[in-house]
Amino acid sequence: MSTFYFIAFLSIFFSILVITAKNPVHSILYLILTFFTFTIHYILMNAQFLAIVNFIVYMGAILVLFLYTLMLINLNKESEPRKSSLVKIAGVIGGGCFLLTIVASLKAFGVSHPVILQNANLGLVKNLGKILFNEYLLPFEVSSILLLSAMVGAVLLATKDPKTA
């Protein structure tokens, strides 16, 4: 139980560092660490599939893409446009809504009950595979054909036509 609280503390700590970091590259690196702590939480909750997907998709692909994109754009303060007062007011309203949500969630602080799993095999990949390939085989195959056609279309759109070159 103390492992859960330590990882939860690290999750909250790295999340706060994401928000407060002055350098956007450091912020993304802290976000990677935050998602890594989420992966550890998934492992502690016996949800191995979610842990693997979180590790590969979020940490391995999306955040690295964010990092490379952020490193490629120009972040000069001189070229940044000035924010209008309407954007600032919208930010204050959004922050106020977020603060209201935090206060409402803290109202029930300490009233949680531990979740006890009735089935120890609940989050295993084997069970997901059985359901995916038995009950949802047709939608799974249709989505794979859709992704394949999208990939072929993207390759065709990205390649230059030799007649126009």
N, C-alpha and C. Protein backbone atom coordinates (compact mmCIF):
# COMPACT_ATOMS: atom_id res chain seq x y z
N MET A 1 0.83 -1.20 0.00
CA MET A 1 0.00 0.00 0.00
C MET A 1 0.87 1.26 0.00
N SER A 2 2.02 1.19 0.65
CA SER A 2 2.89 2.37 0.69
C SER A 2 3.49 2.65 -0.68
N THR A 3 3.65 1.61 -1.52
CA THR A 3 4.14 1.82 -2.88
C THR A 3 3.15 2.65 -3.68
N PHE A 4 1.86 2.38 -3.50
CA PHE A 4 0.84 3.14 -4.20
C PHE A 4 0.91 4.61 -3.82
N TYR A 5 1.04 4.90 -2.54
CA TYR A 5 1.07 6.30 -2.11
C TYR A 5 2.35 7.01 -2.57
N PHE A 6 3.45 6.30 -2.61
CA PHE A 6 4.69 6.90 -3.09
C PHE A 6 4.59 7.23 -4.58
N ILE A 7 4.06 6.30 -5.37
CA ILE A 7 3.90 6.55 -6.81
C ILE A 7 2.84 7.63 -7.04
N ALA A 8 1.80 7.67 -6.22
CA ALA A 8 0.80 8.73 -6.33
C ALA A 8 1.41 10.09 -6.03
N PHE A 9 2.27 10.14 -5.02
CA PHE A 9 2.97 11.40 -4.71
C PHE A 9 3.84 11.83 -5.89
N LEU A 10 4.57 10.86 -6.49
CA LEU A 10 5.40 11.20 -7.64
C LEU A 10 4.56 11.67 -8.82
N SER A 11 3.40 11.07 -9.02
CA SER A 11 2.50 11.50 -10.11
C SER A 11 2.07 12.94 -9.92
N ILE A 12 1.66 13.26 -8.72
CA ILE A 12 1.22 14.63 -8.44
C ILE A 12 2.40 15.60 -8.53
N PHE A 13 3.55 15.20 -8.02
CA PHE A 13 4.73 16.07 -8.05
C PHE A 13 5.15 16.37 -9.49
N PHE A 14 5.24 15.33 -10.33
CA PHE A 14 5.64 15.56 -11.72
C PHE A 14 4.57 16.33 -12.49
N SER A 15 3.30 16.13 -12.14
CA SER A 15 2.23 16.90 -12.78
C SER A 15 2.35 18.38 -12.47
N ILE A 16 2.68 18.69 -11.23
CA ILE A 16 2.87 20.09 -10.86
C ILE A 16 4.09 20.68 -11.57
N LEU A 17 5.14 19.87 -11.72
CA LEU A 17 6.32 20.33 -12.45
C LEU A 17 6.01 20.57 -13.93
N VAL A 18 5.10 19.79 -14.50
CA VAL A 18 4.69 20.02 -15.90
C VAL A 18 4.10 21.41 -16.05
N ILE A 19 3.28 21.79 -15.10
CA ILE A 19 2.59 23.08 -15.18
C ILE A 19 3.52 24.24 -14.87
N THR A 20 4.42 24.05 -13.92
CA THR A 20 5.23 25.18 -13.45
C THR A 20 6.57 25.33 -14.16
N ALA A 21 6.93 24.40 -15.02
CA ALA A 21 8.23 24.49 -15.70
C ALA A 21 8.23 25.67 -16.67
N LYS A 22 9.30 26.45 -16.64
CA LYS A 22 9.43 27.61 -17.53
C LYS A 22 9.81 27.18 -18.94
N ASN A 23 10.62 26.15 -19.05
CA ASN A 23 11.06 25.67 -20.36
C ASN A 23 10.07 24.62 -20.87
N PRO A 24 9.50 24.78 -22.07
CA PRO A 24 8.53 23.80 -22.57
C PRO A 24 9.12 22.41 -22.79
N VAL A 25 10.40 22.32 -23.12
CA VAL A 25 11.03 21.01 -23.29
C VAL A 25 11.08 20.29 -21.95
N HIS A 26 11.41 21.00 -20.88
CA HIS A 26 11.41 20.39 -19.55
C HIS A 26 10.00 19.97 -19.16
N SER A 27 9.02 20.76 -19.54
CA SER A 27 7.63 20.43 -19.24
C SER A 27 7.23 19.11 -19.89
N ILE A 28 7.64 18.90 -21.13
CA ILE A 28 7.31 17.64 -21.81
C ILE A 28 8.07 16.47 -21.18
N LEU A 29 9.30 16.70 -20.77
CA LEU A 29 10.04 15.63 -20.11
C LEU A 29 9.39 15.26 -18.78
N TYR A 30 8.89 16.25 -18.04
CA TYR A 30 8.16 15.95 -16.82
C TYR A 30 6.85 15.21 -17.12
N LEU A 31 6.23 15.54 -18.26
CA LEU A 31 5.01 14.83 -18.65
C LEU A 31 5.30 13.37 -18.96
N ILE A 32 6.45 13.10 -19.55
CA ILE A 32 6.85 11.71 -19.79
C ILE A 32 7.00 10.97 -18.46
N LEU A 33 7.62 11.63 -17.48
CA LEU A 33 7.75 11.00 -16.16
C LEU A 33 6.39 10.79 -15.49
N THR A 34 5.47 11.73 -15.70
CA THR A 34 4.12 11.57 -15.16
C THR A 34 3.43 10.37 -15.76
N PHE A 35 3.53 10.22 -17.08
CA PHE A 35 2.92 9.06 -17.72
C PHE A 35 3.61 7.76 -17.30
N PHE A 36 4.89 7.81 -17.00
CA PHE A 36 5.58 6.62 -16.50
C PHE A 36 5.02 6.21 -15.14
N THR A 37 4.73 7.19 -14.29
CA THR A 37 4.12 6.84 -13.00
C THR A 37 2.72 6.28 -13.19
N PHE A 38 2.00 6.76 -14.22
CA PHE A 38 0.68 6.17 -14.51
C PHE A 38 0.83 4.71 -14.94
N THR A 39 1.89 4.43 -15.70
CA THR A 39 2.14 3.05 -16.11
C THR A 39 2.37 2.16 -14.89
N ILE A 40 3.11 2.67 -13.91
CA ILE A 40 3.34 1.90 -12.69
C ILE A 40 2.02 1.68 -11.94
N HIS A 41 1.15 2.70 -11.93
CA HIS A 41 -0.17 2.52 -11.30
C HIS A 41 -0.97 1.43 -11.99
N TYR A 42 -0.94 1.40 -13.32
CA TYR A 42 -1.66 0.36 -14.05
C TYR A 42 -1.12 -1.03 -13.71
N ILE A 43 0.19 -1.14 -13.56
CA ILE A 43 0.77 -2.43 -13.19
C ILE A 43 0.33 -2.82 -11.78
N LEU A 44 0.30 -1.86 -10.87
CA LEU A 44 -0.15 -2.15 -9.51
C LEU A 44 -1.62 -2.57 -9.46
N MET A 45 -2.42 -2.09 -10.41
CA MET A 45 -3.84 -2.44 -10.45
C MET A 45 -4.12 -3.68 -11.31
N ASN A 46 -3.05 -4.38 -11.72
CA ASN A 46 -3.16 -5.61 -12.50
C ASN A 46 -3.81 -5.37 -13.86
N ALA A 47 -3.52 -4.22 -14.46
CA ALA A 47 -4.02 -3.89 -15.80
C ALA A 47 -2.82 -3.79 -16.73
N GLN A 48 -2.28 -4.95 -17.08
CA GLN A 48 -1.05 -4.99 -17.86
C GLN A 48 -1.23 -4.40 -19.26
N PHE A 49 -2.38 -4.63 -19.87
CA PHE A 49 -2.60 -4.11 -21.22
C PHE A 49 -2.59 -2.59 -21.22
N LEU A 50 -3.28 -1.97 -20.26
CA LEU A 50 -3.26 -0.51 -20.18
C LEU A 50 -1.86 0.01 -19.91
N ALA A 51 -1.10 -0.70 -19.11
CA ALA A 51 0.28 -0.28 -18.84
C ALA A 51 1.12 -0.32 -20.11
N ILE A 52 0.98 -1.38 -20.89
CA ILE A 52 1.76 -1.49 -22.12
C ILE A 52 1.33 -0.44 -23.13
N VAL A 53 0.03 -0.24 -23.28
CA VAL A 53 -0.46 0.77 -24.23
C VAL A 53 -0.03 2.17 -23.79
N ASN A 54 -0.12 2.46 -22.51
CA ASN A 54 0.31 3.77 -22.01
C ASN A 54 1.80 3.97 -22.26
N PHE A 55 2.57 2.95 -22.03
CA PHE A 55 4.02 3.06 -22.21
C PHE A 55 4.38 3.24 -23.67
N ILE A 56 3.81 2.43 -24.54
CA ILE A 56 4.20 2.48 -25.95
C ILE A 56 3.58 3.68 -26.66
N VAL A 57 2.27 3.85 -26.52
CA VAL A 57 1.58 4.87 -27.30
C VAL A 57 1.84 6.26 -26.75
N TYR A 58 1.59 6.48 -25.47
CA TYR A 58 1.70 7.82 -24.94
C TYR A 58 3.16 8.23 -24.74
N MET A 59 3.91 7.41 -24.01
CA MET A 59 5.30 7.79 -23.74
C MET A 59 6.18 7.63 -24.96
N GLY A 60 5.97 6.57 -25.72
CA GLY A 60 6.87 6.27 -26.82
C GLY A 60 6.56 7.03 -28.09
N ALA A 61 5.33 7.37 -28.33
CA ALA A 61 4.98 7.96 -29.61
C ALA A 61 4.52 9.40 -29.48
N ILE A 62 3.47 9.63 -28.74
CA ILE A 62 2.84 10.95 -28.73
C ILE A 62 3.74 11.98 -28.07
N LEU A 63 4.27 11.68 -26.89
CA LEU A 63 5.09 12.67 -26.20
C LEU A 63 6.42 12.90 -26.89
N VAL A 64 6.99 11.88 -27.50
CA VAL A 64 8.22 12.09 -28.26
C VAL A 64 7.92 12.95 -29.47
N LEU A 65 6.76 12.74 -30.09
CA LEU A 65 6.35 13.61 -31.20
C LEU A 65 6.17 15.05 -30.72
N PHE A 66 5.56 15.25 -29.56
CA PHE A 66 5.45 16.59 -28.98
C PHE A 66 6.83 17.20 -28.77
N LEU A 67 7.74 16.40 -28.24
CA LEU A 67 9.08 16.90 -27.96
C LEU A 67 9.78 17.33 -29.23
N TYR A 68 9.74 16.51 -30.26
CA TYR A 68 10.40 16.88 -31.52
C TYR A 68 9.72 18.08 -32.18
N THR A 69 8.40 18.14 -32.13
CA THR A 69 7.69 19.29 -32.70
C THR A 69 8.05 20.56 -31.95
N LEU A 70 8.09 20.49 -30.65
CA LEU A 70 8.42 21.66 -29.85
C LEU A 70 9.85 22.11 -30.08
N MET A 71 10.75 21.16 -30.29
CA MET A 71 12.14 21.53 -30.53
C MET A 71 12.34 22.11 -31.93
N LEU A 72 11.42 21.82 -32.86
CA LEU A 72 11.56 22.34 -34.21
C LEU A 72 10.96 23.73 -34.39
N ILE A 73 9.99 24.09 -33.56
CA ILE A 73 9.39 25.42 -33.73
C ILE A 73 10.25 26.47 -33.06
N ASN A 74 10.07 27.70 -33.50
CA ASN A 74 10.85 28.82 -32.96
C ASN A 74 10.11 29.41 -31.78
N LEU A 75 10.75 29.45 -30.63
CA LEU A 75 10.10 29.94 -29.41
C LEU A 75 10.69 31.27 -28.94
N ASN A 76 10.90 32.18 -29.86
CA ASN A 76 11.42 33.50 -29.48
C ASN A 76 10.30 34.34 -28.89
N LYS A 77 10.60 35.02 -27.78
CA LYS A 77 9.59 35.86 -27.16
C LYS A 77 9.32 37.11 -27.98
N GLU A 78 10.29 37.53 -28.77
CA GLU A 78 10.12 38.74 -29.57
C GLU A 78 9.11 38.53 -30.69
N SER A 79 9.06 37.32 -31.23
CA SER A 79 8.16 37.06 -32.36
C SER A 79 6.78 36.58 -31.90
N GLU A 80 6.60 36.38 -30.61
CA GLU A 80 5.32 35.90 -30.11
C GLU A 80 4.31 37.04 -30.11
N PRO A 81 3.11 36.80 -30.65
CA PRO A 81 2.11 37.88 -30.68
C PRO A 81 1.56 38.15 -29.28
N ARG A 82 1.10 39.37 -29.08
CA ARG A 82 0.51 39.77 -27.79
C ARG A 82 -0.86 39.14 -27.63
N LYS A 83 -1.15 38.73 -26.41
CA LYS A 83 -2.45 38.13 -26.12
C LYS A 83 -3.47 39.24 -25.88
N SER A 84 -4.64 39.06 -26.45
CA SER A 84 -5.69 40.05 -26.25
C SER A 84 -6.30 39.87 -24.87
N SER A 85 -7.04 40.88 -24.43
CA SER A 85 -7.66 40.81 -23.11
C SER A 85 -8.77 39.76 -23.09
N LEU A 86 -9.37 39.47 -24.24
CA LEU A 86 -10.41 38.44 -24.29
C LEU A 86 -9.82 37.06 -23.99
N VAL A 87 -8.62 36.80 -24.50
CA VAL A 87 -7.96 35.53 -24.22
C VAL A 87 -7.59 35.43 -22.74
N LYS A 88 -7.16 36.56 -22.16
CA LYS A 88 -6.82 36.55 -20.73
C LYS A 88 -8.05 36.32 -19.88
N ILE A 89 -9.17 36.91 -20.24
CA ILE A 89 -10.42 36.72 -19.50
C ILE A 89 -10.87 35.26 -19.61
N ALA A 90 -10.75 34.68 -20.81
CA ALA A 90 -11.12 33.28 -20.99
C ALA A 90 -10.22 32.37 -20.15
N GLY A 91 -8.93 32.72 -20.03
CA GLY A 91 -8.02 31.96 -19.19
C GLY A 91 -8.39 32.03 -17.72
N VAL A 92 -8.80 33.22 -17.27
CA VAL A 92 -9.22 33.38 -15.87
C VAL A 92 -10.49 32.59 -15.60
N ILE A 93 -11.43 32.61 -16.54
CA ILE A 93 -12.67 31.84 -16.37
C ILE A 93 -12.37 30.34 -16.35
N GLY A 94 -11.51 29.89 -17.26
CA GLY A 94 -11.13 28.48 -17.28
C GLY A 94 -10.42 28.07 -16.01
N GLY A 95 -9.51 28.91 -15.52
CA GLY A 95 -8.83 28.62 -14.26
C GLY A 95 -9.78 28.59 -13.08
N GLY A 96 -10.77 29.49 -13.09
CA GLY A 96 -11.77 29.50 -12.03
C GLY A 96 -12.62 28.23 -12.03
N CYS A 97 -12.99 27.78 -13.23
CA CYS A 97 -13.74 26.51 -13.34
C CYS A 97 -12.91 25.34 -12.84
N PHE A 98 -11.62 25.35 -13.18
CA PHE A 98 -10.73 24.28 -12.70
C PHE A 98 -10.61 24.32 -11.19
N LEU A 99 -10.47 25.52 -10.61
CA LEU A 99 -10.39 25.65 -9.16
C LEU A 99 -11.68 25.18 -8.49
N LEU A 100 -12.81 25.50 -9.08
CA LEU A 100 -14.10 25.05 -8.55
C LEU A 100 -14.19 23.52 -8.57
N THR A 101 -13.69 22.92 -9.64
CA THR A 101 -13.70 21.46 -9.74
C THR A 101 -12.80 20.84 -8.68
N ILE A 102 -11.63 21.43 -8.47
CA ILE A 102 -10.71 20.92 -7.45
C ILE A 102 -11.33 21.02 -6.05
N VAL A 103 -11.96 22.16 -5.75
CA VAL A 103 -12.59 22.34 -4.44
C VAL A 103 -13.73 21.34 -4.25
N ALA A 104 -14.52 21.11 -5.30
CA ALA A 104 -15.62 20.15 -5.20
C ALA A 104 -15.11 18.73 -5.02
N SER A 105 -13.97 18.41 -5.65
CA SER A 105 -13.44 17.05 -5.48
C SER A 105 -12.81 16.86 -4.11
N LEU A 106 -12.28 17.94 -3.52
CA LEU A 106 -11.69 17.83 -2.19
C LEU A 106 -12.75 17.73 -1.10
N LYS A 107 -13.98 18.03 -1.44
CA LYS A 107 -15.08 17.93 -0.48
C LYS A 107 -15.24 16.49 0.01
N ALA A 108 -15.00 15.54 -0.89
CA ALA A 108 -15.14 14.13 -0.53
C ALA A 108 -13.78 13.50 -0.22
N PHE A 109 -12.80 14.30 0.15
CA PHE A 109 -11.45 13.80 0.42
C PHE A 109 -11.45 12.93 1.67
N GLY A 110 -10.85 11.76 1.57
CA GLY A 110 -10.76 10.86 2.71
C GLY A 110 -11.95 9.94 2.89
N VAL A 111 -12.92 9.97 1.98
CA VAL A 111 -14.11 9.15 2.10
C VAL A 111 -14.03 7.94 1.17
N SER A 112 -12.89 7.75 0.53
CA SER A 112 -12.79 6.66 -0.44
C SER A 112 -12.65 5.31 0.25
N HIS A 113 -13.14 4.29 -0.42
CA HIS A 113 -13.05 2.93 0.06
C HIS A 113 -12.17 2.15 -0.90
N PRO A 114 -11.34 1.26 -0.41
CA PRO A 114 -10.47 0.51 -1.33
C PRO A 114 -11.27 -0.40 -2.25
N VAL A 115 -10.81 -0.50 -3.46
CA VAL A 115 -11.46 -1.36 -4.45
C VAL A 115 -10.88 -2.77 -4.32
N ILE A 116 -11.72 -3.72 -4.12
CA ILE A 116 -11.30 -5.11 -4.00
C ILE A 116 -11.81 -5.84 -5.23
N LEU A 117 -10.89 -6.38 -6.00
CA LEU A 117 -11.27 -7.08 -7.22
C LEU A 117 -11.83 -8.45 -6.88
N GLN A 118 -12.96 -8.77 -7.47
CA GLN A 118 -13.55 -10.09 -7.27
C GLN A 118 -12.86 -11.13 -8.15
N ASN A 119 -12.37 -10.67 -9.32
CA ASN A 119 -11.70 -11.56 -10.27
C ASN A 119 -10.26 -11.08 -10.41
N ALA A 120 -9.31 -11.93 -10.09
CA ALA A 120 -7.89 -11.53 -10.16
C ALA A 120 -7.39 -11.41 -11.58
N ASN A 121 -8.08 -12.00 -12.55
CA ASN A 121 -7.66 -11.96 -13.95
C ASN A 121 -8.36 -10.86 -14.73
N LEU A 122 -8.80 -9.83 -14.05
CA LEU A 122 -9.64 -8.81 -14.69
C LEU A 122 -8.92 -8.01 -15.76
N GLY A 123 -7.70 -7.58 -15.55
CA GLY A 123 -7.03 -6.70 -16.50
C GLY A 123 -6.02 -7.38 -17.39
N LEU A 124 -6.08 -8.68 -17.53
CA LEU A 124 -5.07 -9.40 -18.29
C LEU A 124 -5.33 -9.31 -19.79
N VAL A 125 -4.26 -9.36 -20.56
CA VAL A 125 -4.34 -9.25 -22.01
C VAL A 125 -5.01 -10.49 -22.60
N LYS A 126 -4.85 -11.63 -21.96
CA LYS A 126 -5.44 -12.88 -22.45
C LYS A 126 -6.97 -12.76 -22.53
N ASN A 127 -7.58 -12.18 -21.52
CA ASN A 127 -9.03 -12.00 -21.52
C ASN A 127 -9.47 -10.99 -22.58
N LEU A 128 -8.70 -9.93 -22.75
CA LEU A 128 -9.02 -8.95 -23.78
C LEU A 128 -8.94 -9.58 -25.16
N GLY A 129 -7.91 -10.41 -25.40
CA GLY A 129 -7.77 -11.09 -26.68
C GLY A 129 -8.92 -12.03 -26.96
N LYS A 130 -9.38 -12.74 -25.94
CA LYS A 130 -10.52 -13.65 -26.13
C LYS A 130 -11.76 -12.89 -26.55
N ILE A 131 -12.04 -11.79 -25.88
CA ILE A 131 -13.23 -11.00 -26.21
C ILE A 131 -13.06 -10.33 -27.57
N LEU A 132 -11.87 -9.80 -27.83
CA LEU A 132 -11.62 -9.08 -29.08
C LEU A 132 -11.73 -9.99 -30.30
N PHE A 133 -11.20 -11.19 -30.19
CA PHE A 133 -11.19 -12.08 -31.35
C PHE A 133 -12.38 -13.04 -31.40
N ASN A 134 -13.25 -13.02 -30.42
CA ASN A 134 -14.47 -13.82 -30.47
C ASN A 134 -15.68 -12.95 -30.76
N GLU A 135 -15.98 -12.02 -29.86
CA GLU A 135 -17.19 -11.21 -29.99
C GLU A 135 -17.03 -10.04 -30.96
N TYR A 136 -15.84 -9.46 -31.02
CA TYR A 136 -15.64 -8.25 -31.81
C TYR A 136 -14.66 -8.46 -32.97
N LEU A 137 -14.69 -9.65 -33.58
CA LEU A 137 -13.75 -9.95 -34.67
C LEU A 137 -14.05 -9.11 -35.90
N LEU A 138 -15.32 -9.00 -36.30
CA LEU A 138 -15.66 -8.23 -37.51
C LEU A 138 -15.31 -6.75 -37.36
N PRO A 139 -15.70 -6.06 -36.28
CA PRO A 139 -15.28 -4.65 -36.17
C PRO A 139 -13.76 -4.48 -36.09
N PHE A 140 -13.08 -5.44 -35.49
CA PHE A 140 -11.62 -5.38 -35.41
C PHE A 140 -11.01 -5.46 -36.80
N GLU A 141 -11.48 -6.38 -37.63
CA GLU A 141 -10.94 -6.53 -38.98
C GLU A 141 -11.33 -5.35 -39.87
N VAL A 142 -12.54 -4.83 -39.72
CA VAL A 142 -12.95 -3.66 -40.50
C VAL A 142 -12.09 -2.45 -40.15
N SER A 143 -11.80 -2.27 -38.86
CA SER A 143 -10.95 -1.15 -38.47
C SER A 143 -9.53 -1.33 -38.98
N SER A 144 -9.04 -2.57 -39.05
CA SER A 144 -7.69 -2.78 -39.58
C SER A 144 -7.65 -2.49 -41.08
N ILE A 145 -8.70 -2.84 -41.82
CA ILE A 145 -8.77 -2.51 -43.25
C ILE A 145 -8.87 -0.99 -43.43
N LEU A 146 -9.63 -0.34 -42.58
CA LEU A 146 -9.74 1.12 -42.65
C LEU A 146 -8.40 1.79 -42.39
N LEU A 147 -7.66 1.32 -41.39
CA LEU A 147 -6.33 1.88 -41.12
C LEU A 147 -5.36 1.60 -42.26
N LEU A 148 -5.44 0.42 -42.86
CA LEU A 148 -4.58 0.09 -44.00
C LEU A 148 -4.88 1.00 -45.18
N SER A 149 -6.16 1.23 -45.48
CA SER A 149 -6.50 2.11 -46.59
C SER A 149 -6.10 3.55 -46.31
N ALA A 150 -6.19 3.99 -45.06
CA ALA A 150 -5.73 5.34 -44.71
C ALA A 150 -4.23 5.47 -44.87
N MET A 151 -3.49 4.42 -44.51
CA MET A 151 -2.04 4.45 -44.67
C MET A 151 -1.66 4.49 -46.14
N VAL A 152 -2.33 3.69 -46.98
CA VAL A 152 -2.05 3.70 -48.42
C VAL A 152 -2.40 5.07 -49.01
N GLY A 153 -3.51 5.64 -48.59
CA GLY A 153 -3.89 6.97 -49.06
C GLY A 153 -2.90 8.03 -48.65
N ALA A 154 -2.39 7.95 -47.43
CA ALA A 154 -1.39 8.93 -46.99
C ALA A 154 -0.10 8.81 -47.78
N VAL A 155 0.30 7.58 -48.08
CA VAL A 155 1.52 7.38 -48.88
C VAL A 155 1.32 7.91 -50.29
N LEU A 156 0.14 7.65 -50.87
CA LEU A 156 -0.13 8.16 -52.22
C LEU A 156 -0.19 9.68 -52.26
N LEU A 157 -0.74 10.29 -51.23
CA LEU A 157 -0.81 11.76 -51.19
C LEU A 157 0.58 12.36 -50.95
N ALA A 158 1.42 11.66 -50.24
CA ALA A 158 2.75 12.21 -49.90
C ALA A 158 3.74 12.07 -51.04
N THR A 159 3.57 11.08 -51.90
CA THR A 159 4.52 10.90 -52.99
C THR A 159 4.19 11.87 -54.11
N LYS A 160 5.25 12.33 -54.78
CA LYS A 160 5.09 13.26 -55.88
C LYS A 160 4.72 12.49 -57.14
N ASP A 161 3.88 13.11 -57.94
CA ASP A 161 3.54 12.52 -59.23
C ASP A 161 4.68 12.77 -60.20
N PRO A 162 5.23 11.72 -60.83
CA PRO A 162 6.39 11.93 -61.71
C PRO A 162 6.04 12.76 -62.95
N LYS A 163 4.77 12.83 -63.33
CA LYS A 163 4.38 13.63 -64.50
C LYS A 163 4.45 15.13 -64.23
N THR A 164 4.22 15.55 -62.97
CA THR A 164 4.24 16.98 -62.65
C THR A 164 5.62 17.46 -62.28
N ALA A 165 6.56 16.56 -62.02
CA ALA A 165 7.90 16.97 -61.59
C ALA A 165 8.77 17.40 -62.73
